[in-house]
PDB file of N, CA and C in Angstrom:
ATOM      1  N   MET A   1    -143.507 144.200   0.706  1.00  0.00           N
ATOM      2  CA  MET A   1    -143.207 143.481   1.201  1.00  0.00           C
ATOM      3  C   MET A   1    -145.154 143.456   1.594  1.00  0.00           C
ATOM      4  N   THR A   2    -144.695 141.880   2.549  1.00  0.00           N
ATOM      5  CA  THR A   2    -146.663 141.463   2.039  1.00  0.00           C
ATOM      6  C   THR A   2    -147.118 141.702   3.550  1.00  0.00           C
ATOM      7  N   VAL A   3    -147.851 142.223   4.023  1.00  0.00           N
ATOM      8  CA  VAL A   3    -148.614 142.191   4.672  1.00  0.00           C
ATOM      9  C   VAL A   3    -149.793 141.257   5.576  1.00  0.00           C
ATOM     10  N   ALA A   4    -149.839 139.858   6.280  1.00  0.00           N
ATOM     11  CA  ALA A   4    -150.632 138.996   6.533  1.00  0.00           C
ATOM     12  C   ALA A   4    -151.858 139.733   6.500  1.00  0.00           C
ATOM     13  N   THR A   5    -152.729 139.343   6.120  1.00  0.00           N
ATOM     14  CA  THR A   5    -154.143 140.041   6.568  1.00  0.00           C
ATOM     15  C   THR A   5    -155.251 138.688   7.912  1.00  0.00           C
ATOM     16  N   GLN A   6    -155.628 138.638   8.203  1.00  0.00           N
ATOM     17  CA  GLN A   6    -157.301 138.190   9.359  1.00  0.00           C
ATOM     18  C   GLN A   6    -157.906 138.357   8.366  1.00  0.00           C
ATOM     19  N   VAL A   7    -158.252 136.526   8.444  1.00  0.00           N
ATOM     20  CA  VAL A   7    -159.983 136.733   7.712  1.00  0.00           C
ATOM     21  C   VAL A   7    -160.044 136.087   7.817  1.00  0.00           C
ATOM     22  N   VAL A   8    -162.082 135.567   7.982  1.00  0.00           N
ATOM     23  CA  VAL A   8    -162.073 134.289   7.759  1.00  0.00           C
ATOM     24  C   VAL A   8    -162.137 133.735   6.795  1.00  0.00           C
ATOM     25  N   ALA A   9    -161.909 132.359   7.058  1.00  0.00           N
ATOM     26  CA  ALA A   9    -162.750 131.243   5.716  1.00  0.00           C
ATOM     27  C   ALA A   9    -163.271 130.224   6.595  1.00  0.00           C
ATOM     28  N   LEU A  10    -164.253 129.877   5.535  1.00  0.00           N
ATOM     29  CA  LEU A  10    -165.143 128.660   5.308  1.00  0.00           C
ATOM     30  C   LEU A  10    -164.287 127.347   5.963  1.00  0.00           C
ATOM     31  N   ASP A  11    -164.455 126.303   6.350  1.00  0.00           N
ATOM     32  CA  ASP A  11    -164.873 125.662   6.437  1.00  0.00           C
ATOM     33  C   ASP A  11    -165.097 123.974   5.774  1.00  0.00           C
ATOM     34  N   GLY A  12    -163.618 123.691   5.080  1.00  0.00           N
ATOM     35  CA  GLY A  12    -164.550 123.062   3.794  1.00  0.00           C
ATOM     36  C   GLY A  12    -164.174 123.307   2.160  1.00  0.00           C
ATOM     37  N   LEU A  13    -164.341 124.574   2.615  1.00  0.00           N
ATOM     38  CA  LEU A  13    -164.536 125.258   0.553  1.00  0.00           C
ATOM     39  C   LEU A  13    -162.702 126.382   0.385  1.00  0.00           C
ATOM     40  N   ASP A  14    -161.768 124.977   1.336  1.00  0.00           N
ATOM     41  CA  ASP A  14    -160.783 126.057   0.773  1.00  0.00           C
ATOM     42  C   ASP A  14    -160.134 125.627  -0.796  1.00  0.00           C
ATOM     43  N   ASP A  15    -160.625 124.918  -1.018  1.00  0.00           N
ATOM     44  CA  ASP A  15    -160.466 124.526  -2.535  1.00  0.00           C
ATOM     45  C   ASP A  15    -161.211 125.470  -4.146  1.00  0.00           C
ATOM     46  N   ALA A  16    -162.017 126.321  -2.813  1.00  0.00           N
ATOM     47  CA  ALA A  16    -162.958 127.304  -4.032  1.00  0.00           C
ATOM     48  C   ALA A  16    -162.364 128.485  -3.987  1.00  0.00           C
ATOM     49  N   ILE A  17    -161.029 128.627  -3.055  1.00  0.00           N
ATOM     50  CA  ILE A  17    -160.058 130.112  -2.346  1.00  0.00           C
ATOM     51  C   ILE A  17    -159.883 130.634  -3.834  1.00  0.00           C
ATOM     52  N   ILE A  18    -160.105 132.028  -4.706  1.00  0.00           N
ATOM     53  CA  ILE A  18    -159.883 132.304  -5.078  1.00  0.00           C
ATOM     54  C   ILE A  18    -158.626 133.624  -4.962  1.00  0.00           C
ATOM     55  N   GLY A  19    -158.909 133.954  -3.892  1.00  0.00           N
ATOM     56  CA  GLY A  19    -158.117 135.367  -3.375  1.00  0.00           C
ATOM     57  C   GLY A  19    -159.244 136.368  -2.522  1.00  0.00           C
ATOM     58  N   THR A  20    -158.559 137.705  -2.128  1.00  0.00           N
ATOM     59  CA  THR A  20    -159.061 137.805  -1.270  1.00  0.00           C
ATOM     60  C   THR A  20    -159.566 139.320  -1.824  1.00  0.00           C
ATOM     61  N   CYS A  21    -161.263 140.150  -1.659  1.00  0.00           N
ATOM     62  CA  CYS A  21    -161.606 141.048  -1.837  1.00  0.00           C
ATOM     63  C   CYS A  21    -161.517 142.235  -0.790  1.00  0.00           C
ATOM     64  N   ASN A  22    -161.371 143.453  -1.390  1.00  0.00           N
ATOM     65  CA  ASN A  22    -161.618 144.627  -0.405  1.00  0.00           C
ATOM     66  C   ASN A  22    -162.900 145.011  -0.666  1.00  0.00           C
ATOM     67  N   GLN A  23    -163.244 144.957   1.070  1.00  0.00           N
ATOM     68  CA  GLN A  23    -164.963 145.895   0.834  1.00  0.00           C
ATOM     69  C   GLN A  23    -164.777 147.430   0.509  1.00  0.00           C
ATOM     70  N   LEU A  24    -165.541 148.576  -0.033  1.00  0.00           N
ATOM     71  CA  LEU A  24    -165.425 149.312   0.171  1.00  0.00           C
ATOM     72  C   LEU A  24    -165.760 150.345   1.657  1.00  0.00           C
ATOM     73  N   GLY A  25    -164.578 150.754   1.633  1.00  0.00           N
ATOM     74  CA  GLY A  25    -165.402 151.148   3.684  1.00  0.00           C
ATOM     75  C   GLY A  25    -165.330 150.065   4.507  1.00  0.00           C
ATOM     76  N   GLY A  26    -164.610 149.404   3.685  1.00  0.00           N
ATOM     77  CA  GLY A  26    -164.571 147.773   4.484  1.00  0.00           C
ATOM     78  C   GLY A  26    -163.093 147.106   5.130  1.00  0.00           C
ATOM     79  N   GLY A  27    -162.630 146.050   5.598  1.00  0.00           N
ATOM     80  CA  GLY A  27    -162.014 145.089   5.485  1.00  0.00           C
ATOM     81  C   GLY A  27    -161.576 144.479   4.214  1.00  0.00           C
ATOM     82  N   GLU A  28    -160.787 143.336   4.084  1.00  0.00           N
ATOM     83  CA  GLU A  28    -161.025 142.014   4.074  1.00  0.00           C
ATOM     84  C   GLU A  28    -161.285 141.417   4.091  1.00  0.00           C
ATOM     85  N   VAL A  29    -162.048 140.799   2.547  1.00  0.00           N
ATOM     86  CA  VAL A  29    -162.683 139.103   3.323  1.00  0.00           C
ATOM     87  C   VAL A  29    -162.266 137.932   2.557  1.00  0.00           C
ATOM     88  N   VAL A  30    -161.987 136.527   2.526  1.00  0.00           N
ATOM     89  CA  VAL A  30    -162.039 136.098   1.340  1.00  0.00           C
ATOM     90  C   VAL A  30    -163.475 135.827   0.184  1.00  0.00           C
ATOM     91  N   ALA A  31    -163.004 135.410  -0.529  1.00  0.00           N
ATOM     92  CA  ALA A  31    -163.673 135.307  -2.659  1.00  0.00           C
ATOM     93  C   ALA A  31    -163.094 134.377  -3.052  1.00  0.00           C
ATOM     94  N   TYR A  32    -164.053 133.738  -3.260  1.00  0.00           N
ATOM     95  CA  TYR A  32    -164.872 132.462  -3.325  1.00  0.00           C
ATOM     96  C   TYR A  32    -165.086 132.262  -5.012  1.00  0.00           C
ATOM     97  N   ASP A  33    -164.851 130.987  -5.381  1.00  0.00           N
ATOM     98  CA  ASP A  33    -165.485 130.728  -6.622  1.00  0.00           C
ATOM     99  C   ASP A  33    -166.808 130.255  -6.919  1.00  0.00           C
ATOM    100  N   TYR A  34    -167.923 130.955  -6.710  1.00  0.00           N
ATOM    101  CA  TYR A  34    -169.088 130.740  -6.403  1.00  0.00           C
ATOM    102  C   TYR A  34    -169.414 128.722  -7.356  1.00  0.00           C
ATOM    103  N   ARG A  35    -169.280 128.941  -8.229  1.00  0.00           N
ATOM    104  CA  ARG A  35    -168.870 127.242  -8.762  1.00  0.00           C
ATOM    105  C   ARG A  35    -168.734 126.524  -7.963  1.00  0.00           C
ATOM    106  N   LYS A  36    -167.465 126.829  -8.056  1.00  0.00           N
ATOM    107  CA  LYS A  36    -166.595 125.595  -7.320  1.00  0.00           C
ATOM    108  C   LYS A  36    -167.325 126.017  -6.117  1.00  0.00           C
ATOM    109  N   VAL A  37    -167.471 126.551  -5.130  1.00  0.00           N
ATOM    110  CA  VAL A  37    -168.176 126.169  -3.874  1.00  0.00           C
ATOM    111  C   VAL A  37    -169.811 125.130  -4.556  1.00  0.00           C
ATOM    112  N   VAL A  38    -170.657 125.811  -5.380  1.00  0.00           N
ATOM    113  CA  VAL A  38    -172.139 124.677  -5.603  1.00  0.00           C
ATOM    114  C   VAL A  38    -171.379 123.289  -5.993  1.00  0.00           C
ATOM    115  N   ALA A  39    -170.126 123.120  -6.603  1.00  0.00           N
ATOM    116  CA  ALA A  39    -169.721 122.302  -7.374  1.00  0.00           C
ATOM    117  C   ALA A  39    -169.277 121.092  -5.405  1.00  0.00           C
ATOM    118  N   LEU A  40    -168.365 121.670  -4.691  1.00  0.00           N
ATOM    119  CA  LEU A  40    -168.384 121.590  -3.468  1.00  0.00           C
ATOM    120  C   LEU A  40    -169.028 120.601  -3.034  1.00  0.00           C
ATOM    121  N   PHE A  41    -170.395 121.550  -2.605  1.00  0.00           N
ATOM    122  CA  PHE A  41    -172.065 120.700  -2.208  1.00  0.00           C
ATOM    123  C   PHE A  41    -172.150 120.048  -2.452  1.00  0.00           C
ATOM    124  N   GLU A  42    -172.705 120.456  -4.226  1.00  0.00           N
ATOM    125  CA  GLU A  42    -173.241 119.018  -4.514  1.00  0.00           C
ATOM    126  C   GLU A  42    -172.005 117.561  -4.909  1.00  0.00           C
ATOM    127  N   SER A  43    -171.003 117.408  -4.680  1.00  0.00           N
ATOM    128  CA  SER A  43    -170.178 116.566  -4.052  1.00  0.00           C
ATOM    129  C   SER A  43    -170.633 115.689  -2.892  1.00  0.00           C
ATOM    130  N   MET A  44    -170.852 116.547  -1.516  1.00  0.00           N
ATOM    131  CA  MET A  44    -171.635 116.002  -0.469  1.00  0.00           C
ATOM    132  C   MET A  44    -172.970 115.753  -0.492  1.00  0.00           C
ATOM    133  N   ASP A  45    -173.600 115.543  -1.920  1.00  0.00           N
ATOM    134  CA  ASP A  45    -174.975 116.003  -2.057  1.00  0.00           C
ATOM    135  C   ASP A  45    -176.257 116.252  -0.822  1.00  0.00           C
ATOM    136  N   TRP A  46    -175.445 117.787  -0.877  1.00  0.00           N
ATOM    137  CA  TRP A  46    -176.411 117.794  -0.238  1.00  0.00           C
ATOM    138  C   TRP A  46    -177.350 118.931  -0.893  1.00  0.00           C
ATOM    139  N   ASN A  47    -178.345 119.298  -0.405  1.00  0.00           N
ATOM    140  CA  ASN A  47    -179.432 120.218  -1.106  1.00  0.00           C
ATOM    141  C   ASN A  47    -179.795 121.598  -0.846  1.00  0.00           C
ATOM    142  N   GLU A  48    -180.558 121.819  -0.755  1.00  0.00           N
ATOM    143  CA  GLU A  48    -180.506 123.634  -0.227  1.00  0.00           C
ATOM    144  C   GLU A  48    -180.906 123.624   1.235  1.00  0.00           C
ATOM    145  N   ASP A  49    -181.817 122.615   1.219  1.00  0.00           N
ATOM    146  CA  ASP A  49    -181.994 123.677   2.666  1.00  0.00           C
ATOM    147  C   ASP A  49    -181.139 123.297   3.829  1.00  0.00           C
ATOM    148  N   GLU A  50    -180.145 121.578   3.449  1.00  0.00           N
ATOM    149  CA  GLU A  50    -179.539 121.594   3.895  1.00  0.00           C
ATOM    150  C   GLU A  50    -178.000 123.038   3.929  1.00  0.00           C
ATOM    151  N   PHE A  51    -177.853 123.491   2.412  1.00  0.00           N
ATOM    152  CA  PHE A  51    -177.180 124.441   2.345  1.00  0.00           C
ATOM    153  C   PHE A  51    -177.380 125.704   2.912  1.00  0.00           C
ATOM    154  N   GLU A  52    -178.768 126.084   3.186  1.00  0.00           N
ATOM    155  CA  GLU A  52    -179.314 127.317   3.975  1.00  0.00           C
ATOM    156  C   GLU A  52    -179.073 126.943   5.505  1.00  0.00           C
ATOM    157  N   GLU A  53    -179.273 125.998   6.497  1.00  0.00           N
ATOM    158  CA  GLU A  53    -179.201 125.659   7.565  1.00  0.00           C
ATOM    159  C   GLU A  53    -177.444 125.900   7.861  1.00  0.00           C
ATOM    160  N   TRP A  54    -176.558 125.339   6.591  1.00  0.00           N
ATOM    161  CA  TRP A  54    -175.485 125.728   7.469  1.00  0.00           C
ATOM    162  C   TRP A  54    -174.956 127.313   7.161  1.00  0.00           C
ATOM    163  N   TRP A  55    -175.251 128.025   6.566  1.00  0.00           N
ATOM    164  CA  TRP A  55    -174.501 129.439   6.100  1.00  0.00           C
ATOM    165  C   TRP A  55    -175.384 129.596   7.342  1.00  0.00           C
ATOM    166  N   GLU A  56    -176.984 129.664   7.623  1.00  0.00           N
ATOM    167  CA  GLU A  56    -177.695 130.478   9.140  1.00  0.00           C
ATOM    168  C   GLU A  56    -177.077 129.984  10.243  1.00  0.00           C
ATOM    169  N   VAL A  57    -175.936 129.043  10.346  1.00  0.00           N
ATOM    170  CA  VAL A  57    -175.568 128.159  11.433  1.00  0.00           C
ATOM    171  C   VAL A  57    -173.088 129.627  10.734  1.00  0.00           C
ATOM    172  N   MET A  58    -173.290 129.265   9.944  1.00  0.00           N
ATOM    173  CA  MET A  58    -171.525 129.889  10.036  1.00  0.00           C
ATOM    174  C   MET A  58    -172.401 131.966  10.218  1.00  0.00           C
ATOM    175  N   SER A  59    -172.954 132.010   9.707  1.00  0.00           N
ATOM    176  CA  SER A  59    -173.019 133.515   9.746  1.00  0.00           C
ATOM    177  C   SER A  59    -173.580 134.270  11.131  1.00  0.00           C
ATOM    178  N   GLU A  60    -173.461 133.623  11.699  1.00  0.00           N
ATOM    179  CA  GLU A  60    -173.733 133.499  13.211  1.00  0.00           C
ATOM    180  C   GLU A  60    -172.654 133.920  13.884  1.00  0.00           C
ATOM    181  N   ASN A  61    -171.706 133.138  13.178  1.00  0.00           N
ATOM    182  CA  ASN A  61    -170.563 132.978  13.759  1.00  0.00           C
ATOM    183  C   ASN A  61    -169.834 133.928  13.298  1.00  0.00           C
ATOM    184  N   ILE A  62    -170.287 134.514  12.521  1.00  0.00           N
ATOM    185  CA  ILE A  62    -169.266 135.579  11.510  1.00  0.00           C
ATOM    186  C   ILE A  62    -169.625 136.674  11.243  1.00  0.00           C
ATOM    187  N   PRO A  63    -168.470 137.778  12.390  1.00  0.00           N
ATOM    188  CA  PRO A  63    -169.130 139.126  11.680  1.00  0.00           C
ATOM    189  C   PRO A  63    -170.065 139.734  10.386  1.00  0.00           C
ATOM    190  N   PRO A  64    -170.642 140.446  10.209  1.00  0.00           N
ATOM    191  CA  PRO A  64    -171.315 140.964   8.988  1.00  0.00           C
ATOM    192  C   PRO A  64    -170.129 141.718   8.346  1.00  0.00           C
ATOM    193  N   ASP A  65    -169.245 142.271   8.494  1.00  0.00           N
ATOM    194  CA  ASP A  65    -167.588 142.818   7.479  1.00  0.00           C
ATOM    195  C   ASP A  65    -167.317 142.334   7.506  1.00  0.00           C
ATOM    196  N   SER A  66    -166.783 140.334   7.718  1.00  0.00           N
ATOM    197  CA  SER A  66    -166.017 139.128   6.960  1.00  0.00           C
ATOM    198  C   SER A  66    -167.183 138.700   6.768  1.00  0.00           C
ATOM    199  N   TYR A  67    -168.150 139.120   6.213  1.00  0.00           N
ATOM    200  CA  TYR A  67    -168.963 137.331   4.924  1.00  0.00           C
ATOM    201  C   TYR A  67    -168.087 137.684   3.891  1.00  0.00           C
ATOM    202  N   PRO A  68    -167.923 136.362   3.561  1.00  0.00           N
ATOM    203  CA  PRO A  68    -167.100 136.335   2.449  1.00  0.00           C
ATOM    204  C   PRO A  68    -168.052 136.911   0.981  1.00  0.00           C
ATOM    205  N   VAL A  69    -166.861 136.566  -0.055  1.00  0.00           N
ATOM    206  CA  VAL A  69    -167.498 137.091  -0.848  1.00  0.00           C
ATOM    207  C   VAL A  69    -167.352 136.068  -1.943  1.00  0.00           C
ATOM    208  N   PHE A  70    -168.735 135.128  -2.712  1.00  0.00           N
ATOM    209  CA  PHE A  70    -169.051 134.747  -4.003  1.00  0.00           C
ATOM    210  C   PHE A  70    -169.136 135.552  -5.169  1.00  0.00           C
ATOM    211  N   VAL A  71    -168.061 134.813  -6.009  1.00  0.00           N
ATOM    212  CA  VAL A  71    -167.425 135.627  -7.481  1.00  0.00           C
ATOM    213  C   VAL A  71    -168.172 134.511  -8.662  1.00  0.00           C
ATOM    214  N   ASN A  72    -169.098 134.759  -9.847  1.00  0.00           N
ATOM    215  CA  ASN A  72    -168.943 134.278 -10.725  1.00  0.00           C
ATOM    216  C   ASN A  72    -167.999 134.668 -11.952  1.00  0.00           C
ATOM    217  N   LEU A  73    -167.097 134.033 -11.966  1.00  0.00           N
ATOM    218  CA  LEU A  73    -166.483 134.581 -12.380  1.00  0.00           C
ATOM    219  C   LEU A  73    -166.934 133.974 -14.204  1.00  0.00           C
ATOM    220  N   ASP A  74    -166.404 134.944 -14.761  1.00  0.00           N
ATOM    221  CA  ASP A  74    -167.327 134.940 -16.341  1.00  0.00           C
ATOM    222  C   ASP A  74    -167.095 136.729 -17.249  1.00  0.00           C
ATOM    223  N   ASP A  75    -165.994 136.698 -17.678  1.00  0.00           N
ATOM    224  CA  ASP A  75    -165.387 137.227 -18.917  1.00  0.00           C
ATOM    225  C   ASP A  75    -167.018 138.147 -19.562  1.00  0.00           C
ATOM    226  N   SER A  76    -167.453 137.726 -20.251  1.00  0.00           N
ATOM    227  CA  SER A  76    -168.696 137.659 -21.079  1.00  0.00           C
ATOM    228  C   SER A  76    -169.296 138.881 -20.287  1.00  0.00           C
ATOM    229  N   VAL A  77    -169.660 139.252 -18.729  1.00  0.00           N
ATOM    230  CA  VAL A  77    -169.900 140.182 -18.189  1.00  0.00           C
ATOM    231  C   VAL A  77    -169.501 141.149 -19.110  1.00  0.00           C
ATOM    232  N   ARG A  78    -167.614 141.325 -19.531  1.00  0.00           N
ATOM    233  CA  ARG A  78    -166.985 142.740 -19.863  1.00  0.00           C
ATOM    234  C   ARG A  78    -167.727 143.047 -21.012  1.00  0.00           C
ATOM    235  N   TYR A  79    -168.445 142.093 -22.047  1.00  0.00           N
ATOM    236  CA  TYR A  79    -168.575 142.779 -22.885  1.00  0.00           C
ATOM    237  C   TYR A  79    -169.710 142.437 -23.142  1.00  0.00           C
ATOM    238  N   GLU A  80    -170.620 142.589 -22.102  1.00  0.00           N
ATOM    239  CA  GLU A  80    -171.892 142.693 -22.380  1.00  0.00           C
ATOM    240  C   GLU A  80    -172.026 144.563 -21.981  1.00  0.00           C
ATOM    241  N   ILE A  81    -171.097 144.411 -20.971  1.00  0.00           N
ATOM    242  CA  ILE A  81    -171.513 145.944 -20.107  1.00  0.00           C
ATOM    243  C   ILE A  81    -171.361 147.027 -21.136  1.00  0.00           C
ATOM    244  N   ALA A  82    -170.127 146.876 -22.147  1.00  0.00           N
ATOM    245  CA  ALA A  82    -169.601 147.672 -22.577  1.00  0.00           C
ATOM    246  C   ALA A  82    -170.312 147.318 -24.015  1.00  0.00           C
ATOM    247  N   ALA A  83    -170.944 146.314 -24.180  1.00  0.00           N
ATOM    248  CA  ALA A  83    -171.988 146.567 -25.721  1.00  0.00           C
ATOM    249  C   ALA A  83    -173.444 147.477 -24.838  1.00  0.00           C
ATOM    250  N   GLN A  84    -173.963 147.180 -24.457  1.00  0.00           N
ATOM    251  CA  GLN A  84    -174.553 148.545 -23.402  1.00  0.00           C
ATOM    252  C   GLN A  84    -174.091 150.106 -23.209  1.00  0.00           C
ATOM    253  N   ARG A  85    -173.022 150.373 -22.730  1.00  0.00           N
ATOM    254  CA  ARG A  85    -172.593 151.229 -22.904  1.00  0.00           C
ATOM    255  C   ARG A  85    -172.103 151.942 -24.826  1.00  0.00           C
ATOM    256  N   ASN A  86    -172.657 151.094 -25.124  1.00  0.00           N
ATOM    257  CA  ASN A  86    -172.029 152.025 -26.727  1.00  0.00           C
ATOM    258  C   ASN A  86    -173.800 151.813 -27.035  1.00  0.00           C
ATOM    259  N   GLY A  87    -175.247 151.189 -27.067  1.00  0.00           N
ATOM    260  CA  GLY A  87    -176.091 151.655 -26.962  1.00  0.00           C
ATOM    261  C   GLY A  87    -176.391 150.513 -27.819  1.00  0.00           C
ATOM    262  N   CYS A  88    -175.735 149.174 -27.758  1.00  0.00           N
ATOM    263  CA  CYS A  88    -175.551 147.863 -28.626  1.00  0.00           C
ATOM    264  C   CYS A  88    -176.101 146.643 -27.617  1.00  0.00           C
ATOM    265  N   HIS A  89    -177.661 146.000 -28.040  1.00  0.00           N
ATOM    266  CA  HIS A  89    -177.987 145.347 -26.852  1.00  0.00           C
ATOM    267  C   HIS A  89    -177.967 143.522 -27.624  1.00  0.00           C
TER     268      HIS A  89
END
């Protein structure tokens, strides 16, 4: 049985949603593919200042425990960590 969870999703970023994430000691939040989010803003010709203004407005309306997660999808991190643990650099 699947239980529906209420999460905060950011308007205009649905194409970048990759799932949800469970916070330690907290609730479930939306997880976005960071690169897709950047691409969506670039496709709208937004600059960094416009993005920061947008995020400021959005974050004022979202409880901190509901902030989304932006994930860098990168399998190479797994191998880099394994190499570090094995003493390889």
